[in-house]
N, C-alpha and C. Protein backbone atom coordinates (compact mmCIF):
# COMPACT_ATOMS: atom_id res chain seq x y z
N MET A 1 65.50 114.37 60.65
CA MET A 1 65.38 114.14 62.18
C MET A 1 64.65 115.41 62.82
N ASP A 2 63.49 115.44 63.66
CA ASP A 2 63.19 116.71 64.23
C ASP A 2 63.79 116.80 66.03
N TYR A 3 64.86 117.56 65.91
CA TYR A 3 65.70 117.75 67.16
C TYR A 3 65.04 118.10 68.12
N LYS A 4 64.23 119.13 67.73
CA LYS A 4 63.45 120.47 68.62
C LYS A 4 62.60 119.91 69.75
N ASN A 5 61.96 118.85 69.48
CA ASN A 5 61.06 118.38 70.70
C ASN A 5 61.83 117.89 72.06
N ASN A 6 62.80 117.54 72.01
CA ASN A 6 63.88 116.97 73.13
C ASN A 6 65.12 117.53 72.75
N MET A 7 65.46 118.71 73.39
CA MET A 7 66.79 119.35 72.70
C MET A 7 67.91 119.07 73.82
N LEU A 8 67.51 118.26 74.71
CA LEU A 8 69.10 117.63 75.55
C LEU A 8 69.51 116.59 75.31
N GLU A 9 68.60 115.44 74.86
CA GLU A 9 68.63 113.90 74.71
C GLU A 9 68.35 113.80 73.15
N HIS A 10 69.31 113.01 72.20
CA HIS A 10 69.39 112.67 71.06
C HIS A 10 69.49 111.06 70.74
N ASN A 11 68.59 110.27 70.42
CA ASN A 11 68.75 108.98 69.83
C ASN A 11 69.44 109.09 68.58
N ILE A 12 70.35 108.92 67.94
CA ILE A 12 71.16 109.13 66.91
C ILE A 12 72.34 108.15 66.67
N LYS A 13 72.50 107.20 65.53
CA LYS A 13 73.75 106.39 65.36
C LYS A 13 74.65 107.34 64.14
N LEU A 14 75.66 107.54 64.92
CA LEU A 14 76.54 108.17 64.13
C LEU A 14 78.41 108.06 64.71
N LYS A 15 79.06 108.36 64.03
CA LYS A 15 80.63 108.27 64.60
C LYS A 15 80.82 109.88 65.32
N VAL A 16 81.58 109.69 66.34
CA VAL A 16 81.46 111.15 66.96
C VAL A 16 83.35 111.09 67.57
N LYS A 17 83.87 112.05 67.26
CA LYS A 17 85.37 112.07 67.75
C LYS A 17 85.37 112.57 69.30
N ASN A 18 86.13 111.78 70.21
CA ASN A 18 86.51 111.85 71.59
C ASN A 18 87.59 112.94 71.45
N ASN A 19 87.57 114.35 71.71
CA ASN A 19 88.17 115.48 71.87
C ASN A 19 89.32 115.08 72.45
N LYS A 20 89.51 114.36 73.66
CA LYS A 20 90.73 114.07 74.39
C LYS A 20 91.77 112.89 73.61
N THR A 21 90.88 111.75 72.99
CA THR A 21 92.02 110.94 72.42
C THR A 21 92.00 110.90 71.09
N ASN A 22 91.21 111.99 70.25
CA ASN A 22 91.14 112.31 68.88
C ASN A 22 90.59 111.13 68.05
N GLN A 23 90.18 110.20 68.99
CA GLN A 23 89.62 108.75 68.11
C GLN A 23 87.99 109.10 67.69
N SER A 24 87.41 108.37 67.02
CA SER A 24 86.55 108.27 66.02
C SER A 24 85.53 107.20 66.86
N VAL A 25 84.11 107.01 67.52
CA VAL A 25 83.55 106.17 67.95
C VAL A 25 82.25 106.02 67.54
N SER A 26 81.65 104.90 67.36
CA SER A 26 80.04 104.85 67.19
C SER A 26 79.64 105.20 68.37
N ILE A 27 78.55 105.91 68.39
CA ILE A 27 77.50 106.13 69.44
C ILE A 27 76.09 105.89 68.99
N ASP A 28 74.90 106.26 69.69
CA ASP A 28 73.62 105.77 69.63
C ASP A 28 72.93 106.67 70.37
N LYS A 29 73.44 107.36 71.27
CA LYS A 29 72.96 108.76 71.96
C LYS A 29 73.78 109.68 72.35
N PHE A 30 73.26 111.09 72.16
CA PHE A 30 74.33 111.70 73.06
C PHE A 30 73.29 112.61 74.01
N ILE A 31 73.74 113.27 75.01
CA ILE A 31 72.80 114.07 75.88
C ILE A 31 73.68 115.38 76.22
N LEU A 32 72.78 116.62 75.91
CA LEU A 32 73.61 117.85 76.61
C LEU A 32 73.49 117.90 77.92
N ARG A 33 74.48 117.74 78.75
CA ARG A 33 74.53 117.52 80.09
C ARG A 33 74.55 118.43 80.97
N GLN A 34 75.67 119.50 80.65
CA GLN A 34 75.57 120.63 81.60
C GLN A 34 76.25 122.18 80.70
N PHE A 35 75.51 123.11 81.30
CA PHE A 35 75.93 124.24 80.50
C PHE A 35 76.79 125.29 81.99
N ARG A 36 77.84 125.52 81.16
CA ARG A 36 78.63 126.54 82.16
C ARG A 36 79.08 127.78 81.75
N TRP A 37 79.04 129.03 82.33
CA TRP A 37 79.78 130.25 82.02
C TRP A 37 80.75 130.57 82.91
N ASP A 38 81.74 130.59 82.47
CA ASP A 38 83.17 130.97 83.06
C ASP A 38 83.15 132.65 83.18
N LEU A 39 82.77 133.24 84.32
CA LEU A 39 82.65 134.78 84.48
C LEU A 39 83.82 135.50 84.10
N ARG A 40 85.01 134.86 84.72
CA ARG A 40 86.09 135.46 84.39
C ARG A 40 86.80 135.75 83.15
N THR A 41 86.31 134.56 82.36
CA THR A 41 86.83 134.66 81.00
C THR A 41 85.44 134.75 79.61
N SER A 42 84.41 134.82 80.25
CA SER A 42 83.41 135.12 79.42
C SER A 42 83.08 133.90 78.49
N ASN A 43 83.71 132.68 78.84
CA ASN A 43 83.72 131.30 78.22
C ASN A 43 82.52 130.44 78.51
N VAL A 44 81.74 130.12 77.54
CA VAL A 44 80.68 129.27 77.74
C VAL A 44 80.96 127.81 77.29
N ILE A 45 80.90 126.60 78.26
CA ILE A 45 81.18 125.47 78.01
C ILE A 45 79.76 124.83 78.21
N ILE A 46 79.80 123.83 77.22
CA ILE A 46 78.78 123.13 77.17
C ILE A 46 79.22 121.68 77.35
N ASP A 47 78.92 120.73 78.25
CA ASP A 47 79.44 119.10 78.39
C ASP A 47 78.41 118.55 77.53
N VAL A 48 78.67 117.70 76.66
CA VAL A 48 78.15 116.83 75.93
C VAL A 48 78.79 115.25 76.32
N ASP A 49 77.59 114.32 76.67
CA ASP A 49 77.88 112.81 76.65
C ASP A 49 77.35 112.28 75.92
N TYR A 50 78.39 111.09 75.76
CA TYR A 50 78.10 110.06 74.58
C TYR A 50 78.11 108.66 75.06
N TYR A 51 76.84 107.87 74.28
CA TYR A 51 76.56 106.43 74.71
C TYR A 51 76.40 105.56 73.55
N TYR A 52 76.83 104.60 73.91
CA TYR A 52 76.42 102.95 72.86
C TYR A 52 75.85 102.02 73.85
N ASP A 53 74.62 101.68 73.57
CA ASP A 53 74.02 100.55 74.70
C ASP A 53 74.03 100.72 75.85
N GLU A 54 73.57 102.08 75.95
CA GLU A 54 73.31 102.68 77.50
C GLU A 54 74.60 102.61 78.51
N LYS A 55 75.71 102.78 77.60
CA LYS A 55 77.12 102.51 78.15
C LYS A 55 77.70 104.18 77.97
N HIS A 56 78.14 104.68 79.17
CA HIS A 56 78.69 106.23 78.88
C HIS A 56 79.71 105.91 78.38
N LEU A 57 80.59 106.37 77.07
CA LEU A 57 81.73 106.73 76.59
C LEU A 57 82.63 107.51 76.90
N PHE A 58 82.16 108.62 76.81
CA PHE A 58 83.02 109.79 76.96
C PHE A 58 82.28 110.90 76.96
N THR A 59 82.73 112.17 77.69
CA THR A 59 82.43 113.51 77.60
C THR A 59 82.96 114.45 76.72
N ASN A 60 82.83 114.92 76.02
CA ASN A 60 83.34 116.19 74.95
C ASN A 60 82.74 117.53 76.04
N GLU A 61 83.73 118.94 75.40
CA GLU A 61 82.99 120.21 76.02
C GLU A 61 83.13 120.97 74.83
N PHE A 62 82.60 121.61 74.53
CA PHE A 62 82.15 122.59 73.64
C PHE A 62 82.19 123.92 74.03
N ILE A 63 83.55 124.59 73.55
CA ILE A 63 83.52 126.02 74.06
C ILE A 63 83.31 127.10 73.28
N TYR A 64 82.60 127.77 73.71
CA TYR A 64 82.45 129.08 72.92
C TYR A 64 82.90 130.40 73.77
N GLU A 65 84.34 130.66 73.06
CA GLU A 65 84.55 131.92 73.87
C GLU A 65 84.45 133.12 73.89
N GLU A 66 84.80 133.79 74.91
CA GLU A 66 84.43 135.33 75.18
C GLU A 66 82.97 135.71 74.71
N MET A 67 82.01 135.13 75.10
CA MET A 67 80.55 135.27 75.03
C MET A 67 79.94 136.67 75.57
N GLU A 68 79.99 137.46 75.27
CA GLU A 68 79.20 138.82 75.92
C GLU A 68 77.66 138.56 76.25
N GLU A 69 77.08 138.09 75.13
CA GLU A 69 76.00 137.80 75.19
C GLU A 69 75.36 136.38 75.04
N VAL A 70 74.68 135.78 76.04
CA VAL A 70 74.39 134.48 76.01
C VAL A 70 72.85 133.98 75.78
N ILE A 71 72.43 133.73 74.72
CA ILE A 71 71.27 132.73 74.34
C ILE A 71 71.64 131.70 74.22
N VAL A 72 71.04 130.80 75.72
CA VAL A 72 71.20 129.47 76.02
C VAL A 72 70.45 128.53 74.79
N ASP A 73 69.20 129.06 74.27
CA ASP A 73 68.71 128.12 73.05
C ASP A 73 69.61 128.19 72.09
N LYS A 74 69.90 129.19 71.64
CA LYS A 74 70.83 129.13 70.17
C LYS A 74 71.98 128.35 70.57
N LEU A 75 72.75 128.33 71.86
CA LEU A 75 74.00 127.60 71.77
C LEU A 75 73.44 126.17 71.60
N ILE A 76 72.48 125.71 72.19
CA ILE A 76 71.95 124.30 72.46
C ILE A 76 71.87 124.18 70.91
N LYS A 77 71.33 124.90 70.12
CA LYS A 77 70.87 124.66 68.92
C LYS A 77 71.91 124.03 68.07
N ASP A 78 73.10 125.04 68.39
CA ASP A 78 74.06 124.86 67.58
C ASP A 78 75.08 123.66 67.66
N ILE A 79 74.78 123.47 69.02
CA ILE A 79 75.58 121.85 69.26
C ILE A 79 74.76 120.76 68.49
N VAL A 80 73.64 120.63 68.70
CA VAL A 80 72.65 119.79 68.19
C VAL A 80 72.92 119.73 66.83
N ARG A 81 72.93 120.87 66.07
CA ARG A 81 73.05 120.76 64.50
C ARG A 81 74.32 120.27 64.12
N LYS A 82 75.45 120.69 64.97
CA LYS A 82 76.55 120.45 64.42
C LYS A 82 76.80 118.87 64.53
N HIS A 83 76.19 117.99 65.31
CA HIS A 83 76.11 116.93 65.42
C HIS A 83 75.08 116.16 64.20
N TYR A 84 74.31 116.51 63.87
CA TYR A 84 73.20 116.16 62.93
C TYR A 84 74.06 116.28 61.29
N GLU A 85 74.95 117.48 60.97
CA GLU A 85 75.60 117.41 60.11
C GLU A 85 76.83 116.88 59.75
N SER A 86 76.98 116.13 60.70
CA SER A 86 78.42 115.34 60.79
C SER A 86 78.21 114.08 60.05
């Protein structure tokens, strides 16, 4: 599947673990919603929303710790790649 055309929204059926409840849930879409860079800690946080049948299920945070140099495109590609490889 070519995920490069739309980096932020992906229609794919898979199971994803909710990081807060540790339960796996079936989804049919995920959207990279928010990018934050905490300047105090140098942590980069990317929020990803998960959906099934157009209903929002939950949001996971992906944290990249102590980033000195941030290339947003590479971080987005890494998050997307992790989903397609699962």
